[in-house]
PDB file of N, CA and C in Angstrom:
ATOM      1  N   PRO A   1      -4.326  17.594   7.571  1.00  0.00           N
ATOM      2  CA  PRO A   1      -5.151  17.854   8.748  1.00  0.00           C
ATOM      3  C   PRO A   1      -6.649  17.731   8.476  1.00  0.00           C
ATOM      4  N   ASP A   2      -7.068  17.652   7.217  1.00  0.00           N
ATOM      5  CA  ASP A   2      -8.497  17.545   6.901  1.00  0.00           C
ATOM      6  C   ASP A   2      -8.963  16.104   6.728  1.00  0.00           C
ATOM      7  N   LEU A   3      -8.091  15.150   6.950  1.00  0.00           N
ATOM      8  CA  LEU A   3      -8.451  13.745   6.790  1.00  0.00           C
ATOM      9  C   LEU A   3      -9.328  13.321   7.969  1.00  0.00           C
ATOM     10  N   PRO A   4     -10.532  12.816   7.709  1.00  0.00           N
ATOM     11  CA  PRO A   4     -11.402  12.382   8.806  1.00  0.00           C
ATOM     12  C   PRO A   4     -10.791  11.199   9.563  1.00  0.00           C
ATOM     13  N   ALA A   5     -11.064  11.139  10.856  1.00  0.00           N
ATOM     14  CA  ALA A   5     -10.587  10.024  11.672  1.00  0.00           C
ATOM     15  C   ALA A   5     -11.148   8.719  11.108  1.00  0.00           C
ATOM     16  N   GLY A   6     -10.362   7.666  11.195  1.00  0.00           N
ATOM     17  CA  GLY A   6     -10.795   6.360  10.713  1.00  0.00           C
ATOM     18  C   GLY A   6      -9.609   5.476  10.410  1.00  0.00           C
ATOM     19  N   ARG A   7      -9.869   4.374   9.739  1.00  0.00           N
ATOM     20  CA  ARG A   7      -8.810   3.436   9.351  1.00  0.00           C
ATOM     21  C   ARG A   7      -8.612   3.534   7.849  1.00  0.00           C
ATOM     22  N   TYR A   8      -7.366   3.638   7.447  1.00  0.00           N
ATOM     23  CA  TYR A   8      -7.015   3.780   6.039  1.00  0.00           C
ATOM     24  C   TYR A   8      -5.926   2.786   5.695  1.00  0.00           C
ATOM     25  N   GLY A   9      -5.893   2.376   4.444  1.00  0.00           N
ATOM     26  CA  GLY A   9      -4.833   1.520   3.945  1.00  0.00           C
ATOM     27  C   GLY A   9      -4.196   2.182   2.743  1.00  0.00           C
ATOM     28  N   LEU A  10      -2.879   2.128   2.673  1.00  0.00           N
ATOM     29  CA  LEU A  10      -2.146   2.738   1.568  1.00  0.00           C
ATOM     30  C   LEU A  10      -1.413   1.678   0.768  1.00  0.00           C
ATOM     31  N   ILE A  11      -1.449   1.858  -0.538  1.00  0.00           N
ATOM     32  CA  ILE A  11      -0.712   0.989  -1.448  1.00  0.00           C
ATOM     33  C   ILE A  11       0.105   1.904  -2.348  1.00  0.00           C
ATOM     34  N   ALA A  12       1.387   1.602  -2.491  1.00  0.00           N
ATOM     35  CA  ALA A  12       2.258   2.425  -3.334  1.00  0.00           C
ATOM     36  C   ALA A  12       3.009   1.519  -4.303  1.00  0.00           C
ATOM     37  N   PHE A  13       3.373   2.090  -5.443  1.00  0.00           N
ATOM     38  CA  PHE A  13       4.217   1.352  -6.373  1.00  0.00           C
ATOM     39  C   PHE A  13       5.117   2.314  -7.120  1.00  0.00           C
ATOM     40  N   GLN A  14       6.245   1.786  -7.599  1.00  0.00           N
ATOM     41  CA  GLN A  14       7.174   2.577  -8.392  1.00  0.00           C
ATOM     42  C   GLN A  14       6.855   2.322  -9.856  1.00  0.00           C
ATOM     43  N   ASP A  15       6.415   3.350 -10.545  1.00  0.00           N
ATOM     44  CA  ASP A  15       5.966   3.243 -11.933  1.00  0.00           C
ATOM     45  C   ASP A  15       7.172   3.272 -12.883  1.00  0.00           C
ATOM     46  N   LEU A  16       7.834   2.141 -13.014  1.00  0.00           N
ATOM     47  CA  LEU A  16       9.063   2.073 -13.807  1.00  0.00           C
ATOM     48  C   LEU A  16       8.844   2.361 -15.286  1.00  0.00           C
ATOM     49  N   ASP A  17       7.683   1.991 -15.818  1.00  0.00           N
ATOM     50  CA  ASP A  17       7.433   2.224 -17.249  1.00  0.00           C
ATOM     51  C   ASP A  17       6.656   3.516 -17.493  1.00  0.00           C
ATOM     52  N   ASN A  18       6.404   4.273 -16.428  1.00  0.00           N
ATOM     53  CA  ASN A  18       5.798   5.607 -16.509  1.00  0.00           C
ATOM     54  C   ASN A  18       4.469   5.634 -17.267  1.00  0.00           C
ATOM     55  N   ASN A  19       3.632   4.599 -17.038  1.00  0.00           N
ATOM     56  CA  ASN A  19       2.329   4.576 -17.713  1.00  0.00           C
ATOM     57  C   ASN A  19       1.161   4.856 -16.758  1.00  0.00           C
ATOM     58  N   GLY A  20       1.465   5.137 -15.493  1.00  0.00           N
ATOM     59  CA  GLY A  20       0.428   5.472 -14.528  1.00  0.00           C
ATOM     60  C   GLY A  20      -0.311   4.280 -13.953  1.00  0.00           C
ATOM     61  N   GLU A  21       0.128   3.071 -14.274  1.00  0.00           N
ATOM     62  CA  GLU A  21      -0.536   1.855 -13.795  1.00  0.00           C
ATOM     63  C   GLU A  21       0.499   0.861 -13.292  1.00  0.00           C
ATOM     64  N   LEU A  22       0.089   0.033 -12.353  1.00  0.00           N
ATOM     65  CA  LEU A  22       0.950  -1.028 -11.856  1.00  0.00           C
ATOM     66  C   LEU A  22       1.034  -2.126 -12.912  1.00  0.00           C
ATOM     67  N   ALA A  23       2.227  -2.368 -13.424  1.00  0.00           N
ATOM     68  CA  ALA A  23       2.423  -3.432 -14.413  1.00  0.00           C
ATOM     69  C   ALA A  23       2.355  -4.779 -13.702  1.00  0.00           C
ATOM     70  N   THR A  24       1.689  -5.725 -14.338  1.00  0.00           N
ATOM     71  CA  THR A  24       1.579  -7.063 -13.772  1.00  0.00           C
ATOM     72  C   THR A  24       2.051  -8.092 -14.783  1.00  0.00           C
ATOM     73  N   GLY A  25       2.452  -9.214 -14.261  1.00  0.00           N
ATOM     74  CA  GLY A  25       2.894 -10.314 -15.104  1.00  0.00           C
ATOM     75  C   GLY A  25       1.893 -11.454 -15.047  1.00  0.00           C
ATOM     76  N   LEU A  26       2.407 -12.638 -15.176  1.00  0.00           N
ATOM     77  CA  LEU A  26       1.600 -13.849 -15.169  1.00  0.00           C
ATOM     78  C   LEU A  26       0.746 -13.930 -13.904  1.00  0.00           C
ATOM     79  N   PHE A  27      -0.516 -14.248 -14.043  1.00  0.00           N
ATOM     80  CA  PHE A  27      -1.469 -14.401 -12.940  1.00  0.00           C
ATOM     81  C   PHE A  27      -1.685 -13.112 -12.155  1.00  0.00           C
ATOM     82  N   GLY A  28      -1.395 -11.946 -12.753  1.00  0.00           N
ATOM     83  CA  GLY A  28      -1.618 -10.662 -12.092  1.00  0.00           C
ATOM     84  C   GLY A  28      -0.595 -10.303 -11.037  1.00  0.00           C
ATOM     85  N   ILE A  29       0.521 -11.004 -11.014  1.00  0.00           N
ATOM     86  CA  ILE A  29       1.575 -10.720 -10.039  1.00  0.00           C
ATOM     87  C   ILE A  29       2.257  -9.412 -10.420  1.00  0.00           C
ATOM     88  N   PRO A  30       2.386  -8.464  -9.482  1.00  0.00           N
ATOM     89  CA  PRO A  30       3.004  -7.178  -9.793  1.00  0.00           C
ATOM     90  C   PRO A  30       4.412  -7.345 -10.365  1.00  0.00           C
ATOM     91  N   ALA A  31       4.696  -6.577 -11.433  1.00  0.00           N
ATOM     92  CA  ALA A  31       6.003  -6.628 -12.087  1.00  0.00           C
ATOM     93  C   ALA A  31       6.832  -5.382 -11.771  1.00  0.00           C
ATOM     94  N   GLU A  32       6.311  -4.503 -10.913  1.00  0.00           N
ATOM     95  CA  GLU A  32       7.026  -3.303 -10.502  1.00  0.00           C
ATOM     96  C   GLU A  32       7.091  -3.291  -8.975  1.00  0.00           C
ATOM     97  N   PRO A  33       8.094  -2.611  -8.415  1.00  0.00           N
ATOM     98  CA  PRO A  33       8.180  -2.536  -6.954  1.00  0.00           C
ATOM     99  C   PRO A  33       6.886  -1.956  -6.371  1.00  0.00           C
ATOM    100  N   HIS A  34       6.400  -2.579  -5.302  1.00  0.00           N
ATOM    101  CA  HIS A  34       5.132  -2.180  -4.694  1.00  0.00           C
ATOM    102  C   HIS A  34       5.161  -2.482  -3.200  1.00  0.00           C
ATOM    103  N   GLY A  35       4.260  -1.851  -2.465  1.00  0.00           N
ATOM    104  CA  GLY A  35       4.199  -2.104  -1.033  1.00  0.00           C
ATOM    105  C   GLY A  35       2.918  -1.575  -0.428  1.00  0.00           C
ATOM    106  N   PHE A  36       2.681  -1.974   0.809  1.00  0.00           N
ATOM    107  CA  PHE A  36       1.482  -1.613   1.554  1.00  0.00           C
ATOM    108  C   PHE A  36       1.871  -0.880   2.828  1.00  0.00           C
ATOM    109  N   SER A  37       0.958  -0.057   3.342  1.00  0.00           N
ATOM    110  CA  SER A  37       1.223   0.620   4.605  1.00  0.00           C
ATOM    111  C   SER A  37       1.544  -0.420   5.679  1.00  0.00           C
ATOM    112  N   ARG A  38       2.285   0.039   6.677  1.00  0.00           N
ATOM    113  CA  ARG A  38       2.791  -0.812   7.763  1.00  0.00           C
ATOM    114  C   ARG A  38       3.732  -1.878   7.222  1.00  0.00           C
ATOM    115  N   SER A  39       4.206  -1.705   5.977  1.00  0.00           N
ATOM    116  CA  SER A  39       5.097  -2.663   5.312  1.00  0.00           C
ATOM    117  C   SER A  39       4.538  -4.078   5.372  1.00  0.00           C
ATOM    118  N   ALA A  40       3.221  -4.184   5.330  1.00  0.00           N
ATOM    119  CA  ALA A  40       2.549  -5.487   5.401  1.00  0.00           C
ATOM    120  C   ALA A  40       2.832  -6.287   4.137  1.00  0.00           C
ATOM    121  N   ARG A  41       2.921  -7.576   4.299  1.00  0.00           N
ATOM    122  CA  ARG A  41       3.104  -8.482   3.167  1.00  0.00           C
ATOM    123  C   ARG A  41       2.117  -9.630   3.304  1.00  0.00           C
ATOM    124  N   GLY A  42       1.596 -10.030   2.190  1.00  0.00           N
ATOM    125  CA  GLY A  42       0.688 -11.168   2.195  1.00  0.00           C
ATOM    126  C   GLY A  42       1.433 -12.435   1.803  1.00  0.00           C
ATOM    127  N   SER A  43       0.789 -13.544   2.018  1.00  0.00           N
ATOM    128  CA  SER A  43       1.357 -14.801   1.526  1.00  0.00           C
ATOM    129  C   SER A  43       0.378 -15.336   0.492  1.00  0.00           C
ATOM    130  N   PHE A  44       0.869 -15.573  -0.688  1.00  0.00           N
ATOM    131  CA  PHE A  44       0.042 -16.032  -1.811  1.00  0.00           C
ATOM    132  C   PHE A  44      -1.023 -14.997  -2.180  1.00  0.00           C
ATOM    133  N   GLY A  45      -0.643 -13.729  -2.192  1.00  0.00           N
ATOM    134  CA  GLY A  45      -1.560 -12.647  -2.546  1.00  0.00           C
ATOM    135  C   GLY A  45      -1.332 -11.439  -1.661  1.00  0.00           C
ATOM    136  N   PRO A  46      -2.131 -10.418  -1.853  1.00  0.00           N
ATOM    137  CA  PRO A  46      -1.960  -9.218  -1.042  1.00  0.00           C
ATOM    138  C   PRO A  46      -2.372  -9.457   0.411  1.00  0.00           C
ATOM    139  N   PRO A  47      -1.852  -8.636   1.335  1.00  0.00           N
ATOM    140  CA  PRO A  47      -2.265  -8.775   2.734  1.00  0.00           C
ATOM    141  C   PRO A  47      -3.719  -8.360   2.910  1.00  0.00           C
ATOM    142  N   GLY A  48      -4.336  -8.827   3.959  1.00  0.00           N
ATOM    143  CA  GLY A  48      -5.696  -8.410   4.283  1.00  0.00           C
ATOM    144  C   GLY A  48      -5.695  -6.976   4.797  1.00  0.00           C
ATOM    145  N   PHE A  49      -6.829  -6.293   4.678  1.00  0.00           N
ATOM    146  CA  PHE A  49      -6.915  -4.895   5.084  1.00  0.00           C
ATOM    147  C   PHE A  49      -6.453  -4.685   6.519  1.00  0.00           C
ATOM    148  N   ASP A  50      -6.832  -5.556   7.435  1.00  0.00           N
ATOM    149  CA  ASP A  50      -6.440  -5.399   8.842  1.00  0.00           C
ATOM    150  C   ASP A  50      -4.926  -5.410   9.005  1.00  0.00           C
ATOM    151  N   ASP A  51      -4.220  -6.069   8.108  1.00  0.00           N
ATOM    152  CA  ASP A  51      -2.763  -6.141   8.188  1.00  0.00           C
ATOM    153  C   ASP A  51      -2.088  -4.837   7.772  1.00  0.00           C
ATOM    154  N   PHE A  52      -2.732  -4.038   6.906  1.00  0.00           N
ATOM    155  CA  PHE A  52      -2.085  -2.801   6.475  1.00  0.00           C
ATOM    156  C   PHE A  52      -2.877  -1.540   6.816  1.00  0.00           C
ATOM    157  N   ALA A  53      -3.933  -1.674   7.601  1.00  0.00           N
ATOM    158  CA  ALA A  53      -4.732  -0.518   8.005  1.00  0.00           C
ATOM    159  C   ALA A  53      -3.959   0.360   8.982  1.00  0.00           C
ATOM    160  N   VAL A  54      -4.113   1.663   8.813  1.00  0.00           N
ATOM    161  CA  VAL A  54      -3.482   2.654   9.684  1.00  0.00           C
ATOM    162  C   VAL A  54      -4.598   3.469  10.334  1.00  0.00           C
ATOM    163  N   ALA A  55      -4.535   3.613  11.651  1.00  0.00           N
ATOM    164  CA  ALA A  55      -5.542   4.396  12.369  1.00  0.00           C
ATOM    165  C   ALA A  55      -5.175   5.876  12.312  1.00  0.00           C
ATOM    166  N   VAL A  56      -6.124   6.689  11.877  1.00  0.00           N
ATOM    167  CA  VAL A  56      -5.954   8.139  11.852  1.00  0.00           C
ATOM    168  C   VAL A  56      -6.873   8.711  12.917  1.00  0.00           C
ATOM    169  N   GLY A  57      -6.287   9.433  13.855  1.00  0.00           N
ATOM    170  CA  GLY A  57      -7.060  10.001  14.955  1.00  0.00           C
ATOM    171  C   GLY A  57      -7.708  11.330  14.592  1.00  0.00           C
ATOM    172  N   ALA A  58      -8.248  11.990  15.607  1.00  0.00           N
ATOM    173  CA  ALA A  58      -8.958  13.252  15.412  1.00  0.00           C
ATOM    174  C   ALA A  58      -8.069  14.346  14.828  1.00  0.00           C
ATOM    175  N   SER A  59      -6.751  14.235  15.024  1.00  0.00           N
ATOM    176  CA  SER A  59      -5.828  15.239  14.485  1.00  0.00           C
ATOM    177  C   SER A  59      -5.730  15.151  12.960  1.00  0.00           C
ATOM    178  N   GLY A  60      -6.149  14.017  12.400  1.00  0.00           N
ATOM    179  CA  GLY A  60      -6.054  13.820  10.950  1.00  0.00           C
ATOM    180  C   GLY A  60      -4.659  13.498  10.485  1.00  0.00           C
ATOM    181  N   VAL A  61      -3.788  13.108  11.410  1.00  0.00           N
ATOM    182  CA  VAL A  61      -2.388  12.833  11.081  1.00  0.00           C
ATOM    183  C   VAL A  61      -2.040  11.415  11.518  1.00  0.00           C
ATOM    184  N   ALA A  62      -1.271  10.720  10.683  1.00  0.00           N
ATOM    185  CA  ALA A  62      -0.763   9.392  11.020  1.00  0.00           C
ATOM    186  C   ALA A  62       0.559   9.195  10.292  1.00  0.00           C
ATOM    187  N   THR A  63       1.350   8.272  10.776  1.00  0.00           N
ATOM    188  CA  THR A  63       2.634   7.947  10.154  1.00  0.00           C
ATOM    189  C   THR A  63       2.674   6.452   9.909  1.00  0.00           C
ATOM    190  N   THR A  64       3.208   6.078   8.762  1.00  0.00           N
ATOM    191  CA  THR A  64       3.386   4.660   8.451  1.00  0.00           C
ATOM    192  C   THR A  64       4.611   4.497   7.582  1.00  0.00           C
ATOM    193  N   GLU A  65       5.051   3.282   7.448  1.00  0.00           N
ATOM    194  CA  GLU A  65       6.190   2.962   6.589  1.00  0.00           C
ATOM    195  C   GLU A  65       5.712   2.037   5.477  1.00  0.00           C
ATOM    196  N   ILE A  66       6.210   2.276   4.279  1.00  0.00           N
ATOM    197  CA  ILE A  66       5.911   1.401   3.143  1.00  0.00           C
ATOM    198  C   ILE A  66       7.227   0.979   2.533  1.00  0.00           C
ATOM    199  N   ARG A  67       7.515  -0.314   2.581  1.00  0.00           N
ATOM    200  CA  ARG A  67       8.719  -0.861   1.948  1.00  0.00           C
ATOM    201  C   ARG A  67       8.321  -1.462   0.617  1.00  0.00           C
ATOM    202  N   LEU A  68       8.955  -0.970  -0.433  1.00  0.00           N
ATOM    203  CA  LEU A  68       8.668  -1.503  -1.757  1.00  0.00           C
ATOM    204  C   LEU A  68       9.436  -2.800  -1.969  1.00  0.00           C
ATOM    205  N   VAL A  69       8.737  -3.802  -2.492  1.00  0.00           N
ATOM    206  CA  VAL A  69       9.364  -5.084  -2.802  1.00  0.00           C
ATOM    207  C   VAL A  69       9.189  -5.357  -4.288  1.00  0.00           C
ATOM    208  N   GLU A  70      10.124  -6.063  -4.851  1.00  0.00           N
ATOM    209  CA  GLU A  70      10.030  -6.387  -6.275  1.00  0.00           C
ATOM    210  C   GLU A  70       9.461  -7.764  -6.471  1.00  0.00           C
TER     211      GLU A  70
END
């Protein structure tokens, strides 16, 4: 409830090797399951901010879905 109103983007990943960082492979491609708010996906790279931005209103509450992809 203390989150100021605005647009936010969320990125999540499953830390399979438990090192606290997103593992990447060749050319920086993620090697662990990862996803963006609104389940946005990019083509040839991450999605643009507008594609995964979530609007948070005056209540400070919002809901989004993040689908992890490998």
